[in-house]
Amino acid sequence: MGLIQDYSLVLIFFILPIIFVLQPLFLAKMSEGKDETDLVSLKRKKRLLYRQIKELEMEFDMGNVNDSDYQNSRNALKQEVSSVIAQIKSF
């Protein structure tokens, strides 16, 4: 029983403070990885939106979409792309 109490004191007084001190070093690396994945997903979303604009233009050129729907959809997609680009630039 005395041995367990001795090791618990070692854990409390030495190991836990070391973990507490080293924690920011590991959290910084984890947050950097998250930022990179956020940036990658934003770039992917931008490419997807550009592709949607091209497909919309192609549908309009073929006559499958009327003029008012084309303008509304294109403007909405352009606004969304603009917000994504602003988010990318903020990184």
C-alpha atoms as a PDB file:
ATOM      1  CA  MET A   1       0.000   0.000   0.000  1.00  0.00           C
ATOM      2  CA  GLY A   2       2.866   2.351   0.768  1.00  0.00           C
ATOM      3  CA  LEU A   3       4.383   1.662  -2.656  1.00  0.00           C
ATOM      4  CA  ILE A   4       1.184   2.746  -4.440  1.00  0.00           C
ATOM      5  CA  GLN A   5       1.077   5.974  -2.458  1.00  0.00           C
ATOM      6  CA  ASP A   6       4.720   6.666  -3.280  1.00  0.00           C
ATOM      7  CA  TYR A   7       4.137   6.234  -7.012  1.00  0.00           C
ATOM      8  CA  SER A   8       1.024   8.384  -6.902  1.00  0.00           C
ATOM      9  CA  LEU A   9       3.110  11.175  -5.404  1.00  0.00           C
ATOM     10  CA  VAL A  10       5.662  10.768  -8.202  1.00  0.00           C
ATOM     11  CA  LEU A  11       2.856  10.976 -10.719  1.00  0.00           C
ATOM     12  CA  ILE A  12       1.354  14.061  -9.140  1.00  0.00           C
ATOM     13  CA  PHE A  13       4.552  15.988  -8.470  1.00  0.00           C
ATOM     14  CA  PHE A  14       6.674  15.132 -11.517  1.00  0.00           C
ATOM     15  CA  ILE A  15       4.825  13.628 -14.454  1.00  0.00           C
ATOM     16  CA  LEU A  16       1.684  15.781 -14.450  1.00  0.00           C
ATOM     17  CA  PRO A  17       3.596  19.106 -14.372  1.00  0.00           C
ATOM     18  CA  ILE A  18       5.788  17.898 -17.231  1.00  0.00           C
ATOM     19  CA  ILE A  19       2.689  17.049 -19.258  1.00  0.00           C
ATOM     20  CA  PHE A  20       1.202  20.438 -18.397  1.00  0.00           C
ATOM     21  CA  VAL A  21       4.352  22.256 -19.526  1.00  0.00           C
ATOM     22  CA  LEU A  22       4.757  20.282 -22.768  1.00  0.00           C
ATOM     23  CA  GLN A  23       1.079  20.412 -23.753  1.00  0.00           C
ATOM     24  CA  PRO A  24       1.282  23.731 -25.709  1.00  0.00           C
ATOM     25  CA  LEU A  25       4.050  22.330 -27.877  1.00  0.00           C
ATOM     26  CA  PHE A  26       1.869  19.463 -29.050  1.00  0.00           C
ATOM     27  CA  LEU A  27      -1.300  21.535 -29.378  1.00  0.00           C
ATOM     28  CA  ALA A  28       0.451  24.031 -31.654  1.00  0.00           C
ATOM     29  CA  LYS A  29       1.370  21.263 -34.084  1.00  0.00           C
ATOM     30  CA  MET A  30      -2.160  19.896 -34.041  1.00  0.00           C
ATOM     31  CA  SER A  31      -3.707  23.303 -34.734  1.00  0.00           C
ATOM     32  CA  GLU A  32      -1.297  23.939 -37.638  1.00  0.00           C
ATOM     33  CA  GLY A  33      -2.421  20.705 -39.243  1.00  0.00           C
ATOM     34  CA  LYS A  34      -6.024  21.754 -38.838  1.00  0.00           C
ATOM     35  CA  ASP A  35      -5.338  25.123 -40.484  1.00  0.00           C
ATOM     36  CA  GLU A  36      -3.710  23.366 -43.421  1.00  0.00           C
ATOM     37  CA  THR A  37      -6.691  21.071 -43.855  1.00  0.00           C
ATOM     38  CA  ASP A  38      -9.033  24.064 -43.629  1.00  0.00           C
ATOM     39  CA  LEU A  39      -7.031  25.826 -46.332  1.00  0.00           C
ATOM     40  CA  VAL A  40      -7.068  22.726 -48.524  1.00  0.00           C
ATOM     41  CA  SER A  41     -10.825  22.360 -48.106  1.00  0.00           C
ATOM     42  CA  LEU A  42     -11.354  26.034 -48.970  1.00  0.00           C
ATOM     43  CA  LYS A  43      -9.276  25.672 -52.133  1.00  0.00           C
ATOM     44  CA  ARG A  44     -11.230  22.554 -53.032  1.00  0.00           C
ATOM     45  CA  LYS A  45     -14.494  24.425 -52.484  1.00  0.00           C
ATOM     46  CA  LYS A  46     -13.259  27.267 -54.711  1.00  0.00           C
ATOM     47  CA  ARG A  47     -12.461  24.829 -57.532  1.00  0.00           C
ATOM     48  CA  LEU A  48     -15.867  23.202 -57.116  1.00  0.00           C
ATOM     49  CA  LEU A  49     -17.637  26.555 -57.329  1.00  0.00           C
ATOM     50  CA  TYR A  50     -15.688  27.513 -60.465  1.00  0.00           C
ATOM     51  CA  ARG A  51     -16.669  24.179 -61.980  1.00  0.00           C
ATOM     52  CA  GLN A  52     -20.316  24.845 -61.116  1.00  0.00           C
ATOM     53  CA  ILE A  53     -20.123  28.241 -62.812  1.00  0.00           C
ATOM     54  CA  LYS A  54     -18.673  26.640 -65.952  1.00  0.00           C
ATOM     55  CA  GLU A  55     -21.391  23.980 -65.968  1.00  0.00           C
ATOM     56  CA  LEU A  56     -24.053  26.649 -65.514  1.00  0.00           C
ATOM     57  CA  GLU A  57     -22.631  28.616 -68.458  1.00  0.00           C
ATOM     58  CA  MET A  58     -22.615  25.468 -70.570  1.00  0.00           C
ATOM     59  CA  GLU A  59     -26.245  24.721 -69.648  1.00  0.00           C
ATOM     60  CA  PHE A  60     -27.176  28.303 -70.510  1.00  0.00           C
ATOM     61  CA  ASP A  61     -25.385  28.106 -73.871  1.00  0.00           C
ATOM     62  CA  MET A  62     -27.274  24.897 -74.686  1.00  0.00           C
ATOM     63  CA  GLY A  63     -30.559  26.593 -73.822  1.00  0.00           C
ATOM     64  CA  ASN A  64     -31.404  24.432 -70.810  1.00  0.00           C
ATOM     65  CA  VAL A  65     -31.470  27.415 -68.405  1.00  0.00           C
ATOM     66  CA  ASN A  66     -33.411  30.628 -68.982  1.00  0.00           C
ATOM     67  CA  ASP A  67     -31.761  34.029 -68.664  1.00  0.00           C
ATOM     68  CA  SER A  68     -33.149  35.065 -65.268  1.00  0.00           C
ATOM     69  CA  ASP A  69     -32.272  31.728 -63.623  1.00  0.00           C
ATOM     70  CA  TYR A  70     -28.818  31.897 -65.178  1.00  0.00           C
ATOM     71  CA  GLN A  71     -28.162  35.407 -63.865  1.00  0.00           C
ATOM     72  CA  ASN A  72     -29.468  34.606 -60.369  1.00  0.00           C
ATOM     73  CA  SER A  73     -27.519  31.356 -60.091  1.00  0.00           C
ATOM     74  CA  ARG A  74     -24.343  32.855 -61.517  1.00  0.00           C
ATOM     75  CA  ASN A  75     -24.467  35.835 -59.157  1.00  0.00           C
ATOM     76  CA  ALA A  76     -25.052  33.564 -56.152  1.00  0.00           C
ATOM     77  CA  LEU A  77     -22.125  31.338 -57.149  1.00  0.00           C
ATOM     78  CA  LYS A  78     -19.880  34.364 -57.725  1.00  0.00           C
ATOM     79  CA  GLN A  79     -20.726  35.752 -54.282  1.00  0.00           C
ATOM     80  CA  GLU A  80     -19.943  32.415 -52.699  1.00  0.00           C
ATOM     81  CA  VAL A  81     -16.621  32.204 -54.552  1.00  0.00           C
ATOM     82  CA  SER A  82     -15.789  35.727 -53.401  1.00  0.00           C
ATOM     83  CA  SER A  83     -16.376  34.809 -49.764  1.00  0.00           C
ATOM     84  CA  VAL A  84     -14.250  31.661 -50.127  1.00  0.00           C
ATOM     85  CA  ILE A  85     -11.426  33.667 -51.716  1.00  0.00           C
ATOM     86  CA  ALA A  86     -11.621  36.181 -48.862  1.00  0.00           C
ATOM     87  CA  GLN A  87     -11.345  33.327 -46.362  1.00  0.00           C
ATOM     88  CA  ILE A  88      -8.344  31.917 -48.232  1.00  0.00           C
ATOM     89  CA  LYS A  89      -6.619  35.310 -48.230  1.00  0.00           C
ATOM     90  CA  SER A  90      -7.187  35.659 -44.482  1.00  0.00           C
ATOM     91  CA  PHE A  91      -4.964  32.602 -43.847  1.00  0.00           C
END
